[in-house]
N, C-alpha and C. Protein backbone atom coordinates (compact mmCIF):
# COMPACT_ATOMS: atom_id res chain seq x y z
N UNK A 1 -19.21 -14.32 4.76
CA UNK A 1 -19.58 -13.96 3.41
C UNK A 1 -19.38 -15.19 2.51
N UNK A 2 -20.31 -15.48 1.63
CA UNK A 2 -20.17 -16.65 0.75
C UNK A 2 -18.98 -16.52 -0.20
N UNK A 3 -18.43 -17.65 -0.57
CA UNK A 3 -17.23 -17.68 -1.42
C UNK A 3 -17.46 -16.99 -2.77
N UNK A 4 -18.56 -17.25 -3.49
CA UNK A 4 -18.73 -16.57 -4.79
C UNK A 4 -18.77 -15.04 -4.65
N UNK A 5 -19.33 -14.56 -3.57
CA UNK A 5 -19.40 -13.12 -3.35
C UNK A 5 -18.01 -12.55 -3.05
N UNK A 6 -17.20 -13.27 -2.26
CA UNK A 6 -15.83 -12.83 -1.98
C UNK A 6 -15.00 -12.81 -3.25
N UNK A 7 -15.18 -13.83 -4.11
CA UNK A 7 -14.43 -13.89 -5.37
C UNK A 7 -14.83 -12.73 -6.29
N UNK A 8 -16.10 -12.42 -6.32
CA UNK A 8 -16.59 -11.32 -7.15
C UNK A 8 -16.01 -9.98 -6.67
N UNK A 9 -15.98 -9.79 -5.35
CA UNK A 9 -15.42 -8.56 -4.79
C UNK A 9 -13.93 -8.44 -5.10
N UNK A 10 -13.21 -9.55 -5.02
CA UNK A 10 -11.78 -9.52 -5.31
C UNK A 10 -11.51 -9.23 -6.78
N UNK A 11 -12.33 -9.79 -7.67
CA UNK A 11 -12.17 -9.50 -9.10
C UNK A 11 -12.39 -8.01 -9.37
N UNK A 12 -13.37 -7.42 -8.70
CA UNK A 12 -13.62 -5.98 -8.86
C UNK A 12 -12.43 -5.18 -8.37
N UNK A 13 -11.83 -5.57 -7.23
CA UNK A 13 -10.64 -4.88 -6.71
C UNK A 13 -9.49 -4.96 -7.71
N UNK A 14 -9.28 -6.12 -8.28
CA UNK A 14 -8.17 -6.29 -9.22
C UNK A 14 -8.41 -5.52 -10.50
N UNK A 15 -9.66 -5.38 -10.92
CA UNK A 15 -9.97 -4.67 -12.15
C UNK A 15 -9.72 -3.17 -12.03
N UNK A 16 -9.79 -2.63 -10.82
CA UNK A 16 -9.51 -1.20 -10.66
C UNK A 16 -8.10 -0.96 -10.14
N UNK A 17 -7.24 -1.94 -10.29
CA UNK A 17 -5.80 -1.85 -10.00
C UNK A 17 -5.47 -1.64 -8.53
N UNK A 18 -6.25 -2.18 -7.62
CA UNK A 18 -5.90 -2.15 -6.21
C UNK A 18 -4.99 -3.34 -5.91
N UNK A 19 -4.35 -3.30 -4.78
CA UNK A 19 -3.44 -4.38 -4.41
C UNK A 19 -4.25 -5.66 -4.23
N UNK A 20 -3.90 -6.74 -4.97
CA UNK A 20 -4.68 -7.97 -4.85
C UNK A 20 -4.44 -8.68 -3.52
N UNK A 21 -5.47 -9.33 -3.04
CA UNK A 21 -5.38 -10.14 -1.84
C UNK A 21 -5.84 -11.55 -2.17
N UNK A 22 -5.27 -12.55 -1.54
CA UNK A 22 -5.71 -13.92 -1.83
C UNK A 22 -7.09 -14.19 -1.24
N UNK A 23 -7.82 -15.10 -1.87
CA UNK A 23 -9.14 -15.50 -1.38
C UNK A 23 -9.06 -16.98 -1.01
N UNK A 24 -9.48 -17.30 0.21
CA UNK A 24 -9.45 -18.67 0.71
C UNK A 24 -10.87 -19.18 0.87
N UNK A 25 -11.06 -20.49 0.61
CA UNK A 25 -12.38 -21.09 0.83
C UNK A 25 -12.48 -21.55 2.29
N UNK A 26 -13.58 -22.22 2.62
CA UNK A 26 -13.82 -22.60 4.02
C UNK A 26 -12.82 -23.64 4.52
N UNK A 27 -12.12 -24.34 3.64
CA UNK A 27 -11.10 -25.32 4.04
C UNK A 27 -9.70 -24.73 4.01
N UNK A 28 -9.60 -23.41 3.93
CA UNK A 28 -8.34 -22.67 3.90
C UNK A 28 -7.48 -23.03 2.69
N UNK A 29 -8.14 -23.26 1.57
CA UNK A 29 -7.44 -23.51 0.31
C UNK A 29 -7.45 -22.20 -0.48
N UNK A 30 -6.29 -21.80 -0.98
CA UNK A 30 -6.17 -20.55 -1.71
C UNK A 30 -6.84 -20.70 -3.07
N UNK A 31 -8.01 -20.07 -3.25
CA UNK A 31 -8.78 -20.18 -4.48
C UNK A 31 -8.32 -19.15 -5.50
N UNK A 32 -7.99 -17.94 -5.02
CA UNK A 32 -7.52 -16.87 -5.91
C UNK A 32 -6.17 -16.36 -5.40
N UNK A 33 -5.06 -16.95 -5.84
CA UNK A 33 -3.75 -16.48 -5.36
C UNK A 33 -3.42 -15.11 -5.95
N UNK A 34 -2.43 -14.47 -5.36
CA UNK A 34 -1.97 -13.18 -5.88
C UNK A 34 -1.20 -13.45 -7.16
N UNK A 35 -1.55 -12.78 -8.27
CA UNK A 35 -0.84 -13.03 -9.53
C UNK A 35 0.58 -12.49 -9.47
N UNK A 36 1.52 -13.16 -10.14
CA UNK A 36 2.91 -12.66 -10.13
C UNK A 36 3.01 -11.39 -10.97
N UNK A 37 3.97 -10.54 -10.62
CA UNK A 37 4.16 -9.30 -11.37
C UNK A 37 4.78 -9.63 -12.72
N UNK A 38 4.35 -8.91 -13.73
CA UNK A 38 4.90 -9.09 -15.06
C UNK A 38 6.18 -8.27 -15.18
N UNK A 39 7.07 -8.66 -16.08
CA UNK A 39 8.34 -7.96 -16.23
C UNK A 39 8.13 -6.53 -16.72
N UNK A 40 7.23 -6.31 -17.64
CA UNK A 40 7.02 -4.97 -18.20
C UNK A 40 6.09 -4.11 -17.37
N UNK A 41 5.58 -4.62 -16.27
CA UNK A 41 4.61 -3.89 -15.45
C UNK A 41 5.34 -3.13 -14.34
N UNK A 42 5.81 -1.94 -14.65
CA UNK A 42 6.53 -1.13 -13.67
C UNK A 42 5.68 -0.01 -13.12
N UNK A 43 4.42 0.06 -13.52
CA UNK A 43 3.55 1.13 -13.03
C UNK A 43 3.21 0.88 -11.57
N UNK A 44 3.24 1.92 -10.76
CA UNK A 44 2.82 1.74 -9.37
C UNK A 44 1.31 1.53 -9.31
N UNK A 45 0.85 0.83 -8.31
CA UNK A 45 -0.57 0.57 -8.20
C UNK A 45 -1.30 1.86 -7.84
N UNK A 46 -2.61 1.84 -7.99
CA UNK A 46 -3.43 3.02 -7.71
C UNK A 46 -3.29 3.44 -6.25
N UNK A 47 -3.23 2.48 -5.34
CA UNK A 47 -3.08 2.82 -3.93
C UNK A 47 -1.74 3.49 -3.66
N UNK A 48 -0.68 3.00 -4.28
CA UNK A 48 0.64 3.60 -4.08
C UNK A 48 0.68 5.02 -4.64
N UNK A 49 0.02 5.26 -5.78
CA UNK A 49 -0.02 6.60 -6.35
C UNK A 49 -0.75 7.55 -5.41
N UNK A 50 -1.83 7.10 -4.80
CA UNK A 50 -2.58 7.95 -3.88
C UNK A 50 -1.75 8.28 -2.65
N UNK A 51 -0.97 7.33 -2.17
CA UNK A 51 -0.12 7.57 -1.01
C UNK A 51 0.94 8.61 -1.36
N UNK A 52 1.52 8.51 -2.56
CA UNK A 52 2.54 9.47 -2.98
C UNK A 52 1.95 10.87 -3.11
N UNK A 53 0.68 10.98 -3.54
CA UNK A 53 0.04 12.28 -3.67
C UNK A 53 -0.20 12.92 -2.31
N UNK A 54 -0.42 12.09 -1.28
CA UNK A 54 -0.71 12.60 0.04
C UNK A 54 0.52 13.11 0.77
N UNK A 55 1.70 12.69 0.32
CA UNK A 55 2.92 13.13 0.96
C UNK A 55 3.10 14.61 0.67
N UNK A 56 3.26 15.40 1.72
CA UNK A 56 3.38 16.84 1.58
C UNK A 56 4.82 17.19 1.22
N UNK A 57 4.97 17.91 0.13
CA UNK A 57 6.30 18.33 -0.28
C UNK A 57 6.64 19.64 0.42
N UNK A 58 7.89 19.80 0.84
CA UNK A 58 8.25 21.06 1.51
C UNK A 58 8.18 22.23 0.52
N UNK A 59 7.73 23.36 1.03
CA UNK A 59 7.61 24.54 0.18
C UNK A 59 8.99 25.15 -0.03
N UNK A 60 9.18 25.70 -1.22
CA UNK A 60 10.44 26.36 -1.52
C UNK A 60 10.49 27.73 -0.87
N UNK A 61 11.64 28.07 -0.35
CA UNK A 61 11.79 29.39 0.25
C UNK A 61 12.03 30.42 -0.85
N UNK A 62 11.40 31.55 -0.69
CA UNK A 62 11.59 32.62 -1.67
C UNK A 62 12.87 33.39 -1.36
N UNK A 63 13.49 33.85 -2.41
CA UNK A 63 14.67 34.69 -2.24
C UNK A 63 14.20 36.09 -1.83
N UNK A 64 14.93 36.73 -0.97
CA UNK A 64 14.52 38.09 -0.59
C UNK A 64 14.69 39.03 -1.78
N UNK A 65 13.76 39.98 -1.88
CA UNK A 65 13.83 40.95 -2.98
C UNK A 65 14.98 41.90 -2.73
N UNK A 66 15.73 42.15 -3.76
CA UNK A 66 16.83 43.09 -3.62
C UNK A 66 16.39 44.44 -4.19
N UNK A 67 16.81 45.51 -3.53
CA UNK A 67 16.41 46.85 -3.97
C UNK A 67 17.45 47.49 -4.81
């Protein structure tokens, strides 16, 4: 895949809050490094939120009805 197309795809991934990946050119030079996390950025990424939603929570047991 050509370098400009890979860079464009990576920018789209970063814009929708997916986990960034580095982009290397044909000489193995890191063209788009992973940006450092900001101090105030404590929000989990979109992928991490989806993983948390998929985790099945155990159902609560009902108390038996008393007569």
